[in-house]
PDB file of N, CA and C in Angstrom:
ATOM      1  N   MET A   1     -45.309  41.469  20.805  1.00  0.00           N
ATOM      2  CA  MET A   1     -44.739  40.797  19.643  1.00  0.00           C
ATOM      3  C   MET A   1     -44.797  41.706  18.429  1.00  0.00           C
ATOM      4  N   LYS A   2     -45.967  42.329  18.250  1.00  0.00           N
ATOM      5  CA  LYS A   2     -46.143  43.214  17.105  1.00  0.00           C
ATOM      6  C   LYS A   2     -45.183  44.391  17.179  1.00  0.00           C
ATOM      7  N   LYS A   3     -44.995  44.891  18.398  1.00  0.00           N
ATOM      8  CA  LYS A   3     -44.103  46.028  18.609  1.00  0.00           C
ATOM      9  C   LYS A   3     -42.649  45.657  18.315  1.00  0.00           C
ATOM     10  N   GLY A   4     -42.242  44.434  18.668  1.00  0.00           N
ATOM     11  CA  GLY A   4     -40.877  43.967  18.438  1.00  0.00           C
ATOM     12  C   GLY A   4     -40.568  43.840  16.950  1.00  0.00           C
ATOM     13  N   VAL A   5     -41.496  43.274  16.180  1.00  0.00           N
ATOM     14  CA  VAL A   5     -41.302  43.116  14.742  1.00  0.00           C
ATOM     15  C   VAL A   5     -41.282  44.485  14.076  1.00  0.00           C
ATOM     16  N   TYR A   6     -42.180  45.362  14.511  1.00  0.00           N
ATOM     17  CA  TYR A   6     -42.238  46.719  13.962  1.00  0.00           C
ATOM     18  C   TYR A   6     -40.950  47.480  14.263  1.00  0.00           C
ATOM     19  N   SER A   7     -40.384  47.262  15.452  1.00  0.00           N
ATOM     20  CA  SER A   7     -39.127  47.910  15.838  1.00  0.00           C
ATOM     21  C   SER A   7     -37.970  47.420  14.971  1.00  0.00           C
ATOM     22  N   ILE A   8     -37.972  46.138  14.649  1.00  0.00           N
ATOM     23  CA  ILE A   8     -36.900  45.576  13.806  1.00  0.00           C
ATOM     24  C   ILE A   8     -37.024  46.108  12.380  1.00  0.00           C
ATOM     25  N   LEU A   9     -38.262  46.187  11.872  1.00  0.00           N
ATOM     26  CA  LEU A   9     -38.455  46.701  10.524  1.00  0.00           C
ATOM     27  C   LEU A   9     -38.042  48.162  10.400  1.00  0.00           C
ATOM     28  N   LYS A  10     -38.225  48.931  11.431  1.00  0.00           N
ATOM     29  CA  LYS A  10     -37.827  50.344  11.423  1.00  0.00           C
ATOM     30  C   LYS A  10     -36.334  50.503  11.721  1.00  0.00           C
ATOM     31  N   ALA A  11     -35.653  49.446  12.091  1.00  0.00           N
ATOM     32  CA  ALA A  11     -34.219  49.425  12.401  1.00  0.00           C
ATOM     33  C   ALA A  11     -33.890  50.336  13.573  1.00  0.00           C
ATOM     34  N   ARG A  12     -34.721  50.286  14.598  1.00  0.00           N
ATOM     35  CA  ARG A  12     -34.464  51.099  15.792  1.00  0.00           C
ATOM     36  C   ARG A  12     -33.290  50.556  16.597  1.00  0.00           C
ATOM     37  N   PHE A  13     -32.943  49.272  16.402  1.00  0.00           N
ATOM     38  CA  PHE A  13     -31.816  48.694  17.132  1.00  0.00           C
ATOM     39  C   PHE A  13     -30.486  49.288  16.687  1.00  0.00           C
ATOM     40  N   LEU A  14     -30.484  50.005  15.550  1.00  0.00           N
ATOM     41  CA  LEU A  14     -29.255  50.638  15.075  1.00  0.00           C
ATOM     42  C   LEU A  14     -29.076  52.064  15.577  1.00  0.00           C
ATOM     43  N   VAL A  15     -30.140  52.656  16.121  1.00  0.00           N
ATOM     44  CA  VAL A  15     -30.048  54.047  16.573  1.00  0.00           C
ATOM     45  C   VAL A  15     -30.323  54.190  18.067  1.00  0.00           C
ATOM     46  N   ASN A  16     -30.583  53.102  18.757  1.00  0.00           N
ATOM     47  CA  ASN A  16     -30.820  53.154  20.204  1.00  0.00           C
ATOM     48  C   ASN A  16     -29.527  53.462  20.947  1.00  0.00           C
ATOM     49  N   GLU A  17     -29.644  53.493  22.275  1.00  0.00           N
ATOM     50  CA  GLU A  17     -28.473  53.738  23.123  1.00  0.00           C
ATOM     51  C   GLU A  17     -27.477  52.575  23.050  1.00  0.00           C
ATOM     52  N   ASP A  18     -27.972  51.362  22.864  1.00  0.00           N
ATOM     53  CA  ASP A  18     -27.108  50.175  22.770  1.00  0.00           C
ATOM     54  C   ASP A  18     -26.647  49.912  21.336  1.00  0.00           C
ATOM     55  N   ALA A  19     -26.795  50.852  20.458  1.00  0.00           N
ATOM     56  CA  ALA A  19     -26.491  50.657  19.038  1.00  0.00           C
ATOM     57  C   ALA A  19     -25.022  50.334  18.794  1.00  0.00           C
ATOM     58  N   ASN A  20     -24.139  50.790  19.669  1.00  0.00           N
ATOM     59  CA  ASN A  20     -22.705  50.550  19.494  1.00  0.00           C
ATOM     60  C   ASN A  20     -22.404  49.048  19.464  1.00  0.00           C
ATOM     61  N   LYS A  21     -22.998  48.272  20.362  1.00  0.00           N
ATOM     62  CA  LYS A  21     -22.807  46.815  20.382  1.00  0.00           C
ATOM     63  C   LYS A  21     -23.370  46.178  19.113  1.00  0.00           C
ATOM     64  N   ASN A  22     -24.522  46.661  18.689  1.00  0.00           N
ATOM     65  CA  ASN A  22     -25.150  46.102  17.489  1.00  0.00           C
ATOM     66  C   ASN A  22     -24.307  46.378  16.241  1.00  0.00           C
ATOM     67  N   TRP A  23     -23.769  47.595  16.146  1.00  0.00           N
ATOM     68  CA  TRP A  23     -22.928  47.935  14.998  1.00  0.00           C
ATOM     69  C   TRP A  23     -21.659  47.088  14.967  1.00  0.00           C
ATOM     70  N   ARG A  24     -21.062  46.871  16.121  1.00  0.00           N
ATOM     71  CA  ARG A  24     -19.858  46.024  16.172  1.00  0.00           C
ATOM     72  C   ARG A  24     -20.170  44.609  15.697  1.00  0.00           C
ATOM     73  N   PHE A  25     -21.313  44.089  16.136  1.00  0.00           N
ATOM     74  CA  PHE A  25     -21.707  42.744  15.730  1.00  0.00           C
ATOM     75  C   PHE A  25     -21.957  42.684  14.220  1.00  0.00           C
ATOM     76  N   ILE A  26     -22.606  43.711  13.686  1.00  0.00           N
ATOM     77  CA  ILE A  26     -22.881  43.742  12.244  1.00  0.00           C
ATOM     78  C   ILE A  26     -21.582  43.814  11.447  1.00  0.00           C
ATOM     79  N   VAL A  27     -20.648  44.637  11.885  1.00  0.00           N
ATOM     80  CA  VAL A  27     -19.347  44.726  11.203  1.00  0.00           C
ATOM     81  C   VAL A  27     -18.607  43.393  11.301  1.00  0.00           C
ATOM     82  N   PHE A  28     -18.679  42.726  12.446  1.00  0.00           N
ATOM     83  CA  PHE A  28     -18.051  41.413  12.619  1.00  0.00           C
ATOM     84  C   PHE A  28     -18.651  40.393  11.644  1.00  0.00           C
ATOM     85  N   ILE A  29     -19.967  40.374  11.530  1.00  0.00           N
ATOM     86  CA  ILE A  29     -20.644  39.457  10.602  1.00  0.00           C
ATOM     87  C   ILE A  29     -20.238  39.752   9.162  1.00  0.00           C
ATOM     88  N   ILE A  30     -20.151  41.042   8.802  1.00  0.00           N
ATOM     89  CA  ILE A  30     -19.746  41.418   7.444  1.00  0.00           C
ATOM     90  C   ILE A  30     -18.323  40.934   7.153  1.00  0.00           C
ATOM     91  N   LEU A  31     -17.413  41.084   8.121  1.00  0.00           N
ATOM     92  CA  LEU A  31     -16.032  40.616   7.927  1.00  0.00           C
ATOM     93  C   LEU A  31     -15.982  39.096   7.745  1.00  0.00           C
ATOM     94  N   ILE A  32     -16.771  38.395   8.529  1.00  0.00           N
ATOM     95  CA  ILE A  32     -16.805  36.933   8.392  1.00  0.00           C
ATOM     96  C   ILE A  32     -17.345  36.539   7.013  1.00  0.00           C
ATOM     97  N   VAL A  33     -18.386  37.226   6.556  1.00  0.00           N
ATOM     98  CA  VAL A  33     -18.956  36.931   5.241  1.00  0.00           C
ATOM     99  C   VAL A  33     -17.939  37.211   4.138  1.00  0.00           C
ATOM    100  N   LEU A  34     -17.204  38.318   4.252  1.00  0.00           N
ATOM    101  CA  LEU A  34     -16.173  38.624   3.249  1.00  0.00           C
ATOM    102  C   LEU A  34     -15.070  37.569   3.244  1.00  0.00           C
ATOM    103  N   ALA A  35     -14.682  37.106   4.438  1.00  0.00           N
ATOM    104  CA  ALA A  35     -13.660  36.059   4.526  1.00  0.00           C
ATOM    105  C   ALA A  35     -14.170  34.766   3.888  1.00  0.00           C
ATOM    106  N   MET A  36     -15.423  34.436   4.108  1.00  0.00           N
ATOM    107  CA  MET A  36     -15.993  33.217   3.510  1.00  0.00           C
ATOM    108  C   MET A  36     -16.058  33.327   1.987  1.00  0.00           C
ATOM    109  N   ILE A  37     -16.414  34.491   1.483  1.00  0.00           N
ATOM    110  CA  ILE A  37     -16.469  34.689   0.029  1.00  0.00           C
ATOM    111  C   ILE A  37     -15.071  34.552  -0.572  1.00  0.00           C
ATOM    112  N   GLY A  38     -14.083  35.169   0.073  1.00  0.00           N
ATOM    113  CA  GLY A  38     -12.705  35.053  -0.412  1.00  0.00           C
ATOM    114  C   GLY A  38     -12.205  33.620  -0.370  1.00  0.00           C
ATOM    115  N   ASN A  39     -12.540  32.907   0.701  1.00  0.00           N
ATOM    116  CA  ASN A  39     -12.120  31.512   0.836  1.00  0.00           C
ATOM    117  C   ASN A  39     -12.762  30.646  -0.240  1.00  0.00           C
ATOM    118  N   THR A  40     -14.028  30.873  -0.509  1.00  0.00           N
ATOM    119  CA  THR A  40     -14.713  30.115  -1.552  1.00  0.00           C
ATOM    120  C   THR A  40     -14.105  30.395  -2.923  1.00  0.00           C
ATOM    121  N   ASN A  41     -13.745  31.638  -3.163  1.00  0.00           N
ATOM    122  CA  ASN A  41     -13.127  32.010  -4.445  1.00  0.00           C
ATOM    123  C   ASN A  41     -11.789  31.292  -4.623  1.00  0.00           C
ATOM    124  N   ARG A  42     -10.972  31.280  -3.586  1.00  0.00           N
ATOM    125  CA  ARG A  42      -9.679  30.586  -3.665  1.00  0.00           C
ATOM    126  C   ARG A  42      -9.878  29.088  -3.867  1.00  0.00           C
ATOM    127  N   TYR A  43     -10.867  28.517  -3.194  1.00  0.00           N
ATOM    128  CA  TYR A  43     -11.168  27.095  -3.330  1.00  0.00           C
ATOM    129  C   TYR A  43     -11.548  26.773  -4.770  1.00  0.00           C
ATOM    130  N   GLU A  44     -12.401  27.579  -5.365  1.00  0.00           N
ATOM    131  CA  GLU A  44     -12.812  27.341  -6.743  1.00  0.00           C
ATOM    132  C   GLU A  44     -11.638  27.491  -7.705  1.00  0.00           C
ATOM    133  N   GLN A  45     -10.750  28.460  -7.458  1.00  0.00           N
ATOM    134  CA  GLN A  45      -9.570  28.618  -8.316  1.00  0.00           C
ATOM    135  C   GLN A  45      -8.686  27.377  -8.245  1.00  0.00           C
ATOM    136  N   LYS A  46      -8.530  26.834  -7.048  1.00  0.00           N
ATOM    137  CA  LYS A  46      -7.712  25.627  -6.900  1.00  0.00           C
ATOM    138  C   LYS A  46      -8.358  24.434  -7.597  1.00  0.00           C
ATOM    139  N   ILE A  47      -9.665  24.325  -7.523  1.00  0.00           N
ATOM    140  CA  ILE A  47     -10.368  23.233  -8.199  1.00  0.00           C
ATOM    141  C   ILE A  47     -10.178  23.342  -9.709  1.00  0.00           C
ATOM    142  N   PHE A  48     -10.296  24.564 -10.240  1.00  0.00           N
ATOM    143  CA  PHE A  48     -10.085  24.763 -11.684  1.00  0.00           C
ATOM    144  C   PHE A  48      -8.651  24.405 -12.063  1.00  0.00           C
ATOM    145  N   ARG A  49      -7.689  24.776 -11.245  1.00  0.00           N
ATOM    146  CA  ARG A  49      -6.277  24.477 -11.518  1.00  0.00           C
ATOM    147  C   ARG A  49      -6.030  22.960 -11.487  1.00  0.00           C
ATOM    148  N   ILE A  50      -6.648  22.287 -10.519  1.00  0.00           N
ATOM    149  CA  ILE A  50      -6.486  20.833 -10.427  1.00  0.00           C
ATOM    150  C   ILE A  50      -7.069  20.158 -11.657  1.00  0.00           C
ATOM    151  N   THR A  51      -8.237  20.621 -12.100  1.00  0.00           N
ATOM    152  CA  THR A  51      -8.860  20.060 -13.299  1.00  0.00           C
ATOM    153  C   THR A  51      -7.982  20.289 -14.521  1.00  0.00           C
ATOM    154  N   GLU A  52      -7.426  21.489 -14.613  1.00  0.00           N
ATOM    155  CA  GLU A  52      -6.538  21.833 -15.727  1.00  0.00           C
ATOM    156  C   GLU A  52      -5.310  20.924 -15.738  1.00  0.00           C
ATOM    157  N   LEU A  53      -4.697  20.728 -14.568  1.00  0.00           N
ATOM    158  CA  LEU A  53      -3.510  19.878 -14.482  1.00  0.00           C
ATOM    159  C   LEU A  53      -3.841  18.417 -14.762  1.00  0.00           C
ATOM    160  N   THR A  54      -5.003  17.970 -14.332  1.00  0.00           N
ATOM    161  CA  THR A  54      -5.413  16.592 -14.602  1.00  0.00           C
ATOM    162  C   THR A  54      -5.567  16.355 -16.096  1.00  0.00           C
ATOM    163  N   ASN A  55      -6.168  17.312 -16.780  1.00  0.00           N
ATOM    164  CA  ASN A  55      -6.306  17.181 -18.240  1.00  0.00           C
ATOM    165  C   ASN A  55      -4.939  17.189 -18.919  1.00  0.00           C
ATOM    166  N   GLU A  56      -4.030  18.025 -18.431  1.00  0.00           N
ATOM    167  CA  GLU A  56      -2.686  18.077 -19.006  1.00  0.00           C
ATOM    168  C   GLU A  56      -1.952  16.754 -18.793  1.00  0.00           C
ATOM    169  N   VAL A  57      -2.118  16.151 -17.609  1.00  0.00           N
ATOM    170  CA  VAL A  57      -1.481  14.861 -17.332  1.00  0.00           C
ATOM    171  C   VAL A  57      -2.032  13.792 -18.272  1.00  0.00           C
ATOM    172  N   LYS A  58      -3.344  13.809 -18.509  1.00  0.00           N
ATOM    173  CA  LYS A  58      -3.941  12.832 -19.429  1.00  0.00           C
ATOM    174  C   LYS A  58      -3.374  12.999 -20.839  1.00  0.00           C
ATOM    175  N   GLU A  59      -3.234  14.244 -21.287  1.00  0.00           N
ATOM    176  CA  GLU A  59      -2.681  14.490 -22.617  1.00  0.00           C
ATOM    177  C   GLU A  59      -1.232  14.023 -22.702  1.00  0.00           C
ATOM    178  N   LEU A  60      -0.441  14.328 -21.675  1.00  0.00           N
ATOM    179  CA  LEU A  60       0.961  13.925 -21.684  1.00  0.00           C
ATOM    180  C   LEU A  60       1.104  12.408 -21.625  1.00  0.00           C
ATOM    181  N   ARG A  61       0.228  11.747 -20.863  1.00  0.00           N
ATOM    182  CA  ARG A  61       0.294  10.295 -20.774  1.00  0.00           C
ATOM    183  C   ARG A  61      -0.037   9.661 -22.125  1.00  0.00           C
ATOM    184  N   SER A  62      -1.048  10.195 -22.805  1.00  0.00           N
ATOM    185  CA  SER A  62      -1.395   9.633 -24.121  1.00  0.00           C
ATOM    186  C   SER A  62      -0.274   9.896 -25.129  1.00  0.00           C
ATOM    187  N   GLU A  63       0.361  11.068 -25.043  1.00  0.00           N
ATOM    188  CA  GLU A  63       1.494  11.353 -25.924  1.00  0.00           C
ATOM    189  C   GLU A  63       2.654  10.410 -25.632  1.00  0.00           C
ATOM    190  N   PHE A  64       2.877  10.119 -24.352  1.00  0.00           N
ATOM    191  CA  PHE A  64       3.934   9.188 -23.967  1.00  0.00           C
ATOM    192  C   PHE A  64       3.678   7.805 -24.543  1.00  0.00           C
ATOM    193  N   VAL A  65       2.446   7.338 -24.455  1.00  0.00           N
ATOM    194  CA  VAL A  65       2.115   6.015 -24.981  1.00  0.00           C
ATOM    195  C   VAL A  65       2.308   5.985 -26.497  1.00  0.00           C
ATOM    196  N   ASP A  66       1.902   7.054 -27.180  1.00  0.00           N
ATOM    197  CA  ASP A  66       2.092   7.119 -28.629  1.00  0.00           C
ATOM    198  C   ASP A  66       3.567   7.069 -28.988  1.00  0.00           C
ATOM    199  N   ARG A  67       4.366   7.869 -28.288  1.00  0.00           N
ATOM    200  CA  ARG A  67       5.815   7.896 -28.578  1.00  0.00           C
ATOM    201  C   ARG A  67       6.472   6.559 -28.276  1.00  0.00           C
ATOM    202  N   ARG A  68       6.035   5.920 -27.190  1.00  0.00           N
ATOM    203  CA  ARG A  68       6.634   4.636 -26.832  1.00  0.00           C
ATOM    204  C   ARG A  68       6.316   3.583 -27.886  1.00  0.00           C
ATOM    205  N   SER A  69       5.071   3.557 -28.371  1.00  0.00           N
ATOM    206  CA  SER A  69       4.728   2.576 -29.401  1.00  0.00           C
ATOM    207  C   SER A  69       5.470   2.873 -30.701  1.00  0.00           C
ATOM    208  N   GLU A  70       5.649   4.155 -31.010  1.00  0.00           N
ATOM    209  CA  GLU A  70       6.423   4.533 -32.194  1.00  0.00           C
ATOM    210  C   GLU A  70       7.876   4.088 -32.060  1.00  0.00           C
ATOM    211  N   LEU A  71       8.444   4.264 -30.880  1.00  0.00           N
ATOM    212  CA  LEU A  71       9.822   3.840 -30.632  1.00  0.00           C
ATOM    213  C   LEU A  71       9.957   2.324 -30.725  1.00  0.00           C
ATOM    214  N   MET A  72       8.987   1.605 -30.181  1.00  0.00           N
ATOM    215  CA  MET A  72       9.042   0.143 -30.264  1.00  0.00           C
ATOM    216  C   MET A  72       9.019  -0.314 -31.723  1.00  0.00           C
ATOM    217  N   LYS A  73       8.240   0.377 -32.528  1.00  0.00           N
ATOM    218  CA  LYS A  73       8.176   0.029 -33.947  1.00  0.00           C
ATOM    219  C   LYS A  73       9.513   0.326 -34.628  1.00  0.00           C
ATOM    220  N   LEU A  74      10.147   1.456 -34.278  1.00  0.00           N
ATOM    221  CA  LEU A  74      11.430   1.809 -34.887  1.00  0.00           C
ATOM    222  C   LEU A  74      12.562   0.879 -34.440  1.00  0.00           C
ATOM    223  N   ARG A  75      12.450   0.298 -33.253  1.00  0.00           N
ATOM    224  CA  ARG A  75      13.506  -0.562 -32.734  1.00  0.00           C
ATOM    225  C   ARG A  75      13.422  -1.988 -33.261  1.00  0.00           C
ATOM    226  N   MET A  76      12.360  -2.334 -33.926  1.00  0.00           N
ATOM    227  CA  MET A  76      12.218  -3.700 -34.434  1.00  0.00           C
ATOM    228  C   MET A  76      13.306  -3.991 -35.470  1.00  0.00           C
ATOM    229  N   GLU A  77      13.785  -5.233 -35.479  1.00  0.00           N
ATOM    230  CA  GLU A  77      14.881  -5.612 -36.371  1.00  0.00           C
ATOM    231  C   GLU A  77      14.498  -5.433 -37.834  1.00  0.00           C
ATOM    232  N   SER A  78      13.258  -5.712 -38.159  1.00  0.00           N
ATOM    233  CA  SER A  78      12.831  -5.599 -39.559  1.00  0.00           C
ATOM    234  C   SER A  78      12.866  -4.138 -40.017  1.00  0.00           C
ATOM    235  N   THR A  79      12.477  -3.223 -39.129  1.00  0.00           N
ATOM    236  CA  THR A  79      12.491  -1.805 -39.496  1.00  0.00           C
ATOM    237  C   THR A  79      13.922  -1.299 -39.649  1.00  0.00           C
ATOM    238  N   VAL A  80      14.787  -1.710 -38.734  1.00  0.00           N
ATOM    239  CA  VAL A  80      16.188  -1.273 -38.803  1.00  0.00           C
ATOM    240  C   VAL A  80      16.858  -1.836 -40.051  1.00  0.00           C
ATOM    241  N   SER A  81      16.638  -3.118 -40.333  1.00  0.00           N
ATOM    242  CA  SER A  81      17.280  -3.716 -41.518  1.00  0.00           C
ATOM    243  C   SER A  81      16.739  -3.093 -42.799  1.00  0.00           C
ATOM    244  N   GLU A  82      15.471  -2.731 -42.812  1.00  0.00           N
ATOM    245  CA  GLU A  82      14.893  -2.086 -43.985  1.00  0.00           C
ATOM    246  C   GLU A  82      15.509  -0.711 -44.224  1.00  0.00           C
ATOM    247  N   LYS A  83      15.732   0.044 -43.134  1.00  0.00           N
ATOM    248  CA  LYS A  83      16.303   1.384 -43.280  1.00  0.00           C
ATOM    249  C   LYS A  83      17.787   1.343 -43.632  1.00  0.00           C
ATOM    250  N   MET A  84      18.484   0.280 -43.243  1.00  0.00           N
ATOM    251  CA  MET A  84      19.914   0.194 -43.491  1.00  0.00           C
ATOM    252  C   MET A  84      20.248  -0.560 -44.786  1.00  0.00           C
ATOM    253  N   SER A  85      19.270  -1.171 -45.408  1.00  0.00           N
ATOM    254  CA  SER A  85      19.547  -1.981 -46.603  1.00  0.00           C
ATOM    255  C   SER A  85      20.027  -1.120 -47.773  1.00  0.00           C
ATOM    256  N   TYR A  86      19.578   0.094 -47.903  1.00  0.00           N
ATOM    257  CA  TYR A  86      20.024   0.926 -49.030  1.00  0.00           C
ATOM    258  C   TYR A  86      21.476   1.358 -48.854  1.00  0.00           C
ATOM    259  N   ARG A  87      22.015   1.263 -47.662  1.00  0.00           N
ATOM    260  CA  ARG A  87      23.433   1.572 -47.430  1.00  0.00           C
ATOM    261  C   ARG A  87      24.314   0.329 -47.585  1.00  0.00           C
ATOM    262  N   GLY A  88      23.683  -0.790 -47.782  1.00  0.00           N
ATOM    263  CA  GLY A  88      24.450  -2.020 -47.963  1.00  0.00           C
ATOM    264  C   GLY A  88      24.707  -2.748 -46.659  1.00  0.00           C
ATOM    265  N   ILE A  89      24.086  -2.325 -45.575  1.00  0.00           N
ATOM    266  CA  ILE A  89      24.267  -2.992 -44.286  1.00  0.00           C
ATOM    267  C   ILE A  89      23.095  -3.946 -44.103  1.00  0.00           C
ATOM    268  N   LEU A  90      23.413  -5.223 -44.048  1.00  0.00           N
ATOM    269  CA  LEU A  90      22.384  -6.245 -43.919  1.00  0.00           C
ATOM    270  C   LEU A  90      22.517  -6.940 -42.567  1.00  0.00           C
ATOM    271  N   PRO A  91      21.463  -7.571 -42.094  1.00  0.00           N
ATOM    272  CA  PRO A  91      21.569  -8.296 -40.824  1.00  0.00           C
ATOM    273  C   PRO A  91      22.530  -9.476 -40.951  1.00  0.00           C
ATOM    274  N   ALA A  92      23.187  -9.807 -39.870  1.00  0.00           N
ATOM    275  CA  ALA A  92      24.165 -10.902 -39.877  1.00  0.00           C
ATOM    276  C   ALA A  92      23.454 -12.232 -39.984  1.00  0.00           C
ATOM    277  N   SER A  93      24.061 -13.129 -40.760  1.00  0.00           N
ATOM    278  CA  SER A  93      23.474 -14.469 -40.902  1.00  0.00           C
ATOM    279  C   SER A  93      23.916 -15.368 -39.752  1.00  0.00           C
ATOM    280  N   VAL A  94      25.037 -15.015 -39.112  1.00  0.00           N
ATOM    281  CA  VAL A  94      25.549 -15.786 -37.984  1.00  0.00           C
ATOM    282  C   VAL A  94      25.222 -15.011 -36.710  1.00  0.00           C
ATOM    283  N   PRO A  95      24.646 -15.674 -35.731  1.00  0.00           N
ATOM    284  CA  PRO A  95      24.318 -14.954 -34.508  1.00  0.00           C
ATOM    285  C   PRO A  95      25.576 -14.507 -33.769  1.00  0.00           C
ATOM    286  N   PRO A  96      25.502 -13.454 -33.017  1.00  0.00           N
ATOM    287  CA  PRO A  96      26.686 -12.959 -32.307  1.00  0.00           C
ATOM    288  C   PRO A  96      27.114 -13.914 -31.197  1.00  0.00           C
ATOM    289  N   VAL A  97      28.406 -13.858 -30.883  1.00  0.00           N
ATOM    290  CA  VAL A  97      28.978 -14.696 -29.841  1.00  0.00           C
ATOM    291  C   VAL A  97      29.378 -13.781 -28.689  1.00  0.00           C
ATOM    292  N   LYS A  98      29.065 -14.209 -27.501  1.00  0.00           N
ATOM    293  CA  LYS A  98      29.400 -13.419 -26.328  1.00  0.00           C
ATOM    294  C   LYS A  98      30.853 -13.671 -25.947  1.00  0.00           C
ATOM    295  N   ILE A  99      31.584 -12.596 -25.756  1.00  0.00           N
ATOM    296  CA  ILE A  99      32.999 -12.687 -25.411  1.00  0.00           C
ATOM    297  C   ILE A  99      33.129 -12.453 -23.917  1.00  0.00           C
ATOM    298  N   LYS A 100      33.759 -13.403 -23.254  1.00  0.00           N
ATOM    299  CA  LYS A 100      33.955 -13.282 -21.813  1.00  0.00           C
ATOM    300  C   LYS A 100      35.424 -12.994 -21.548  1.00  0.00           C
ATOM    301  N   VAL A 101      35.671 -11.977 -20.767  1.00  0.00           N
ATOM    302  CA  VAL A 101      37.034 -11.612 -20.412  1.00  0.00           C
ATOM    303  C   VAL A 101      37.212 -11.944 -18.941  1.00  0.00           C
ATOM    304  N   LYS A 102      38.231 -12.745 -18.659  1.00  0.00           N
ATOM    305  CA  LYS A 102      38.505 -13.114 -17.276  1.00  0.00           C
ATOM    306  C   LYS A 102      39.592 -12.197 -16.741  1.00  0.00           C
ATOM    307  N   GLN A 103      39.302 -11.608 -15.619  1.00  0.00           N
ATOM    308  CA  GLN A 103      40.303 -10.758 -14.986  1.00  0.00           C
ATOM    309  C   GLN A 103      41.067 -11.588 -13.968  1.00  0.00           C
ATOM    310  N   GLU A 104      42.344 -11.304 -13.922  1.00  0.00           N
ATOM    311  CA  GLU A 104      43.139 -11.990 -12.914  1.00  0.00           C
ATOM    312  C   GLU A 104      42.842 -11.370 -11.564  1.00  0.00           C
ATOM    313  N   LYS A 105      42.799 -12.238 -10.602  1.00  0.00           N
ATOM    314  CA  LYS A 105      42.510 -11.762  -9.256  1.00  0.00           C
ATOM    315  C   LYS A 105      43.729 -11.007  -8.739  1.00  0.00           C
ATOM    316  N   LYS A 106      43.478  -9.807  -8.245  1.00  0.00           N
ATOM    317  CA  LYS A 106      44.584  -9.030  -7.684  1.00  0.00           C
ATOM    318  C   LYS A 106      45.014  -9.655  -6.377  1.00  0.00           C
ATOM    319  N   LYS A 107      46.276  -9.723  -6.220  1.00  0.00           N
ATOM    320  CA  LYS A 107      46.796 -10.303  -4.987  1.00  0.00           C
ATOM    321  C   LYS A 107      46.923  -9.198  -3.960  1.00  0.00           C
ATOM    322  N   ASP A 108      46.368  -9.463  -2.824  1.00  0.00           N
ATOM    323  CA  ASP A 108      46.521  -8.465  -1.759  1.00  0.00           C
ATOM    324  C   ASP A 108      47.809  -8.751  -0.995  1.00  0.00           C
ATOM    325  N   PHE A 109      48.047  -8.032   0.022  1.00  0.00           N
ATOM    326  CA  PHE A 109      49.288  -8.100   0.763  1.00  0.00           C
ATOM    327  C   PHE A 109      49.551  -9.478   1.318  1.00  0.00           C
ATOM    328  N   TRP A 110      48.541 -10.135   1.884  1.00  0.00           N
ATOM    329  CA  TRP A 110      48.744 -11.439   2.525  1.00  0.00           C
ATOM    330  C   TRP A 110      49.011 -12.534   1.510  1.00  0.00           C
ATOM    331  N   ASP A 111      48.333 -12.456   0.359  1.00  0.00           N
ATOM    332  CA  ASP A 111      48.579 -13.482  -0.675  1.00  0.00           C
ATOM    333  C   ASP A 111      50.021 -13.358  -1.228  1.00  0.00           C
ATOM    334  N   SER A 112      50.480 -12.147  -1.452  1.00  0.00           N
ATOM    335  CA  SER A 112      51.843 -11.977  -1.976  1.00  0.00           C
ATOM    336  C   SER A 112      52.871 -12.332  -0.928  1.00  0.00           C
ATOM    337  N   LEU A 113      52.531 -12.210   0.348  1.00  0.00           N
ATOM    338  CA  LEU A 113      53.471 -12.520   1.402  1.00  0.00           C
ATOM    339  C   LEU A 113      53.726 -14.033   1.464  1.00  0.00           C
ATOM    340  N   TRP A 114      52.741 -14.855   1.179  1.00  0.00           N
ATOM    341  CA  TRP A 114      52.887 -16.316   1.295  1.00  0.00           C
ATOM    342  C   TRP A 114      53.457 -16.947   0.042  1.00  0.00           C
ATOM    343  N   GLN A 115      53.667 -16.249  -1.023  1.00  0.00           N
ATOM    344  CA  GLN A 115      54.229 -16.845  -2.231  1.00  0.00           C
ATOM    345  C   GLN A 115      55.716 -16.758  -2.265  1.00  0.00           C
TER     346      GLN A 115
END
């Protein structure tokens, strides 16, 4: 046991006759570690991007709500009549009347044939 630990500490497994297999395994492990580091980096970049976009969506949503409430205020009859009063345009005292236009039914071939 003591000899095995001492051999590992001296790194004799890298210079023995079987060292070629050990070196291949070490290079394989290093490549896997590099791939994991790169993958973690990309994952963190995506998380930061998602957080950034989420904050932007929150800002845009709050701006939308502000604009919508501002528009609702501008569309109110009292606001419109107030802005148009200096031009002499006042709200109508008589409510509007809906005009209905009746279209004549087009006669198709069979209806015109029987007349």
